[in-house]
Amino acid sequence: MSLGLKLYGHWVSQPARSVLWLLHLNNKQIGADFEFKKVEPMNGDTRKSEFTTLFPTAKSPAIHEPDNNDFKLAEGSAIMQYLCDKNEWENWYPSSDLQSRARVNEYLSSHHTTSRRCTLKIFHPVMMSIMKGKKAEPLDYKALAATSEKEANRFSKTWLQNGPFVNGFEKPTIADLFAYTEFAQLPQMDVLERYEDDKVNEWMNRMKDLPHHNDMHRSLLKLTALKRKMGV
């Protein structure tokens, strides 16, 4: 069944990559079942009237289904929940077991005040340094790595103690997709080589084995190559 939707986002965006990964994992191909429309938040695309008319929150990723009651929705976790419910992707977002679904929701509800700090505190400074180039102040990578380890340790103790995936599940859920894009970007961007916490590294290795992993992170690796070339 065709989703018949338009997905607005950017390949470097952590939530957008999570949504894109979910779609690819469920055999949806760009250009076939949905249209990917690139937006550049840092260039002000999400504040332009043509975007805010569709999405008043001015947030991406966002989806639009013109043929489905003109449905519009922003926020990565809400989009993934909706897509799983609509398409019955039970293995990614359980619906038959209320307590299992609540466990996934527990992580998703905490994300912006926990794992999302990896982007706010660490990834954003690196991005700004790349954008400023030679004009940027040198980054303290030792301090950034220490902050990374702190967030990873907190994540491990809170979410990885009872099983191989977030909150004790035996298989990954949308909670894992959402968390992975946050933590994986730090070694990908040379902030650190690997995490000190073994549980985090083992979880990341399991996530790397999922189909389409490399495709979903290709743009980030290109950004890293640019960062190395610039020497920032």
Protein backbone atom coordinates (compact mmCIF):
# COMPACT_ATOMS: atom_id res chain seq x y z
CA MET A 1 0.00 0.00 0.00
CA SER A 2 1.39 3.38 -0.98
CA LEU A 3 1.81 5.83 1.86
CA GLY A 4 1.11 8.72 -0.49
CA LEU A 5 2.98 11.21 1.68
CA LYS A 6 5.50 14.00 1.47
CA LEU A 7 8.29 13.96 4.03
CA TYR A 8 10.02 17.26 4.77
CA GLY A 9 13.43 17.11 6.40
CA HIS A 10 17.19 17.14 6.04
CA TRP A 11 19.55 14.16 5.85
CA VAL A 12 21.80 15.57 8.60
CA SER A 13 18.83 16.00 10.96
CA GLN A 14 18.77 13.28 13.63
CA PRO A 15 14.93 12.98 13.82
CA ALA A 16 14.61 13.08 10.03
CA ARG A 17 17.12 10.26 9.65
CA SER A 18 15.18 8.22 12.19
CA VAL A 19 11.96 8.62 10.18
CA LEU A 20 13.73 7.88 6.90
CA TRP A 21 15.35 4.78 8.38
CA LEU A 22 11.97 3.50 9.58
CA LEU A 23 10.54 3.93 6.09
CA HIS A 24 13.46 2.13 4.44
CA LEU A 25 13.37 -0.69 6.99
CA ASN A 26 9.78 -1.29 5.97
CA ASN A 27 10.64 -1.50 2.28
CA LYS A 28 9.55 1.98 1.32
CA GLN A 29 11.71 3.55 -1.34
CA ILE A 30 12.23 7.26 -1.93
CA GLY A 31 10.36 8.34 -5.05
CA ALA A 32 8.06 5.31 -5.00
CA ASP A 33 5.94 5.45 -1.87
CA PHE A 34 6.75 8.92 -0.61
CA GLU A 35 8.36 12.13 -1.73
CA PHE A 36 11.30 13.46 0.26
CA LYS A 37 11.42 17.26 0.24
CA LYS A 38 14.65 18.69 1.55
CA VAL A 39 14.40 21.70 3.88
CA GLU A 40 17.30 23.65 5.38
CA PRO A 41 16.33 24.87 8.87
CA MET A 42 19.62 26.74 9.26
CA ASN A 43 18.81 28.68 6.09
CA GLY A 44 15.38 29.60 7.41
CA ASP A 45 13.34 27.19 5.26
CA THR A 46 11.16 26.13 8.18
CA ARG A 47 10.28 29.77 8.92
CA LYS A 48 9.11 30.56 5.39
CA SER A 49 5.39 31.07 4.88
CA GLU A 50 5.03 28.15 2.46
CA PHE A 51 6.29 25.86 5.25
CA THR A 52 4.56 27.42 8.26
CA THR A 53 1.26 27.44 6.36
CA LEU A 54 1.49 23.66 6.32
CA PHE A 55 3.21 23.26 9.69
CA PRO A 56 2.55 26.10 12.17
CA THR A 57 5.09 24.65 14.62
CA ALA A 58 7.82 25.46 12.06
CA LYS A 59 9.50 22.14 12.88
CA SER A 60 10.96 19.42 10.70
CA PRO A 61 10.77 16.57 10.03
CA ALA A 62 7.15 16.85 9.02
CA ILE A 63 4.78 14.90 6.81
CA HIS A 64 1.90 15.90 4.57
CA GLU A 65 -0.68 13.53 3.11
CA PRO A 66 -2.72 15.61 0.64
CA ASP A 67 -4.94 12.66 -0.30
CA ASN A 68 -5.64 11.64 3.30
CA ASN A 69 -7.86 14.47 4.56
CA ASP A 70 -4.92 16.80 3.87
CA PHE A 71 -3.26 15.41 7.00
CA LYS A 72 -0.18 17.22 8.32
CA LEU A 73 2.08 16.25 11.22
CA ALA A 74 5.41 17.44 12.63
CA GLU A 75 7.83 16.06 15.28
CA GLY A 76 9.87 12.94 14.57
CA SER A 77 8.53 10.67 17.32
CA ALA A 78 4.90 11.54 16.56
CA ILE A 79 5.49 10.82 12.87
CA MET A 80 7.02 7.41 13.59
CA GLN A 81 4.20 6.49 15.96
CA TYR A 82 1.63 7.51 13.36
CA LEU A 83 3.32 5.60 10.52
CA CYS A 84 3.60 2.45 12.63
CA ASP A 85 -0.05 2.60 13.66
CA LYS A 86 -1.28 3.38 10.15
CA ASN A 87 0.73 0.61 8.50
CA GLU A 88 0.59 -1.91 11.35
CA TRP A 89 4.34 -2.04 11.84
CA GLU A 90 3.82 -3.91 15.08
CA ASN A 91 7.45 -4.99 15.44
CA TRP A 92 8.59 -1.34 15.64
CA TYR A 93 5.80 0.01 17.85
CA PRO A 94 3.80 -2.69 19.66
CA SER A 95 0.06 -2.14 19.78
CA SER A 96 -1.23 -5.49 21.08
CA ASP A 97 0.65 -5.24 24.38
CA LEU A 98 -0.25 -2.03 26.21
CA GLN A 99 2.66 -2.27 28.64
CA SER A 100 5.21 -2.82 25.87
CA ARG A 101 3.87 0.21 24.03
CA ALA A 102 4.10 2.22 27.25
CA ARG A 103 7.78 1.23 27.55
CA VAL A 104 8.50 2.59 24.08
CA ASN A 105 6.55 5.76 24.90
CA GLU A 106 8.49 6.14 28.13
CA TYR A 107 11.73 6.55 26.24
CA LEU A 108 10.21 8.74 23.51
CA SER A 109 8.73 11.05 26.15
CA SER A 110 12.14 11.47 27.78
CA HIS A 111 14.18 11.88 24.60
CA HIS A 112 14.29 15.67 24.38
CA THR A 113 15.63 16.01 27.93
CA THR A 114 18.04 13.06 27.78
CA SER A 115 19.66 11.70 24.59
CA ARG A 116 18.80 14.81 22.59
CA ARG A 117 21.43 16.64 24.63
CA CYS A 118 24.01 14.90 22.43
CA THR A 119 22.92 17.20 19.63
CA LEU A 120 22.31 20.34 21.66
CA LYS A 121 25.52 20.20 23.70
CA ILE A 122 27.92 18.47 21.32
CA PHE A 123 26.80 18.16 17.70
CA HIS A 124 25.62 21.77 17.32
CA PRO A 125 28.99 23.28 18.36
CA VAL A 126 30.77 21.02 15.85
CA MET A 127 28.30 21.99 13.13
CA MET A 128 28.75 25.70 13.85
CA SER A 129 32.52 25.27 13.72
CA ILE A 130 32.24 23.67 10.27
CA MET A 131 29.97 26.46 9.06
CA LYS A 132 32.30 29.20 10.32
CA GLY A 133 35.39 27.48 8.97
CA LYS A 134 38.64 29.30 9.69
CA LYS A 135 36.75 32.00 11.57
CA ALA A 136 35.60 29.52 14.20
CA GLU A 137 37.10 29.37 17.66
CA PRO A 138 38.98 26.07 18.26
CA LEU A 139 36.76 23.48 19.88
CA ASP A 140 37.68 21.77 23.13
CA TYR A 141 37.24 18.20 21.92
CA LYS A 142 38.35 16.79 25.25
CA ALA A 143 35.46 18.55 26.96
CA LEU A 144 33.03 17.50 24.21
CA ALA A 145 34.16 13.88 24.56
CA ALA A 146 33.69 14.04 28.33
CA THR A 147 30.14 15.34 27.86
CA SER A 148 29.50 12.56 25.34
CA GLU A 149 30.63 9.93 27.81
CA LYS A 150 28.42 11.40 30.52
CA GLU A 151 25.33 11.24 28.30
CA ALA A 152 26.16 7.71 27.12
CA ASN A 153 26.67 6.49 30.68
CA ARG A 154 23.31 7.94 31.72
CA PHE A 155 21.64 6.34 28.71
CA SER A 156 23.21 2.97 29.49
CA LYS A 157 22.16 2.95 33.14
CA THR A 158 18.63 4.10 32.37
CA TRP A 159 17.71 2.23 29.19
CA LEU A 160 20.14 -0.62 28.43
CA GLN A 161 20.30 -2.60 31.65
CA ASN A 162 17.51 -5.11 30.98
CA GLY A 163 18.06 -6.31 27.44
CA PRO A 164 19.85 -5.78 24.13
CA PHE A 165 17.71 -2.83 23.05
CA VAL A 166 16.14 0.21 24.69
CA ASN A 167 14.04 -0.63 27.76
CA GLY A 168 14.75 -4.35 27.62
CA PHE A 169 13.30 -5.30 24.24
CA GLU A 170 14.81 -8.23 22.35
CA LYS A 171 14.39 -6.43 19.03
CA PRO A 172 14.78 -2.75 18.18
CA THR A 173 11.82 -0.38 18.26
CA ILE A 174 11.36 3.20 17.12
CA ALA A 175 12.90 4.17 20.46
CA ASP A 176 16.20 2.66 19.32
CA LEU A 177 16.06 4.41 15.94
CA PHE A 178 15.45 7.73 17.67
CA ALA A 179 18.25 7.26 20.21
CA TYR A 180 20.83 5.80 17.84
CA THR A 181 21.00 8.82 15.53
CA GLU A 182 21.92 10.92 18.56
CA PHE A 183 24.72 8.76 19.93
CA ALA A 184 26.14 7.44 16.64
CA GLN A 185 26.83 10.91 15.27
CA LEU A 186 29.48 11.63 17.91
CA PRO A 187 32.00 8.94 16.89
CA GLN A 188 30.95 9.51 13.28
CA MET A 189 31.97 13.17 13.68
CA ASP A 190 35.28 12.32 15.41
CA VAL A 191 34.19 13.73 18.76
CA LEU A 192 35.43 10.44 20.24
CA GLU A 193 36.60 7.11 18.86
CA ARG A 194 34.22 4.91 20.83
CA TYR A 195 32.28 5.06 24.08
CA GLU A 196 33.77 3.82 27.31
CA ASP A 197 30.50 2.10 28.24
CA ASP A 198 30.47 -1.44 26.81
CA LYS A 199 26.68 -1.70 26.79
CA VAL A 200 26.42 1.39 24.63
CA ASN A 201 29.03 0.10 22.18
CA GLU A 202 27.37 -3.31 21.99
CA TRP A 203 23.96 -1.70 21.38
CA MET A 204 25.43 0.53 18.69
CA ASN A 205 27.01 -2.48 16.95
CA ARG A 206 23.63 -4.22 16.91
CA MET A 207 22.05 -1.12 15.40
CA LYS A 208 24.79 -0.89 12.74
CA ASP A 209 23.77 -4.36 11.57
CA LEU A 210 20.28 -3.17 10.64
CA PRO A 211 19.57 -2.84 6.91
CA HIS A 212 20.14 0.56 5.26
CA HIS A 213 22.37 1.78 8.09
CA ASN A 214 25.10 3.16 5.84
CA ASP A 215 22.65 4.81 3.44
CA MET A 216 20.94 6.62 6.31
CA HIS A 217 24.23 8.06 7.57
CA ARG A 218 25.95 8.82 4.28
CA SER A 219 25.37 12.59 4.44
CA LEU A 220 26.71 12.78 7.97
CA LEU A 221 29.88 10.97 6.92
CA LYS A 222 30.28 13.43 4.05
CA LEU A 223 30.00 16.23 6.58
CA THR A 224 32.71 14.55 8.65
CA ALA A 225 34.96 14.37 5.61
CA LEU A 226 34.47 18.11 5.11
CA LYS A 227 35.26 18.72 8.77
CA ARG A 228 38.54 16.78 8.46
CA LYS A 229 39.48 18.63 5.29
CA MET A 230 38.89 21.97 7.02
CA GLY A 231 40.82 20.86 10.10
CA VAL A 232 38.16 22.02 12.56
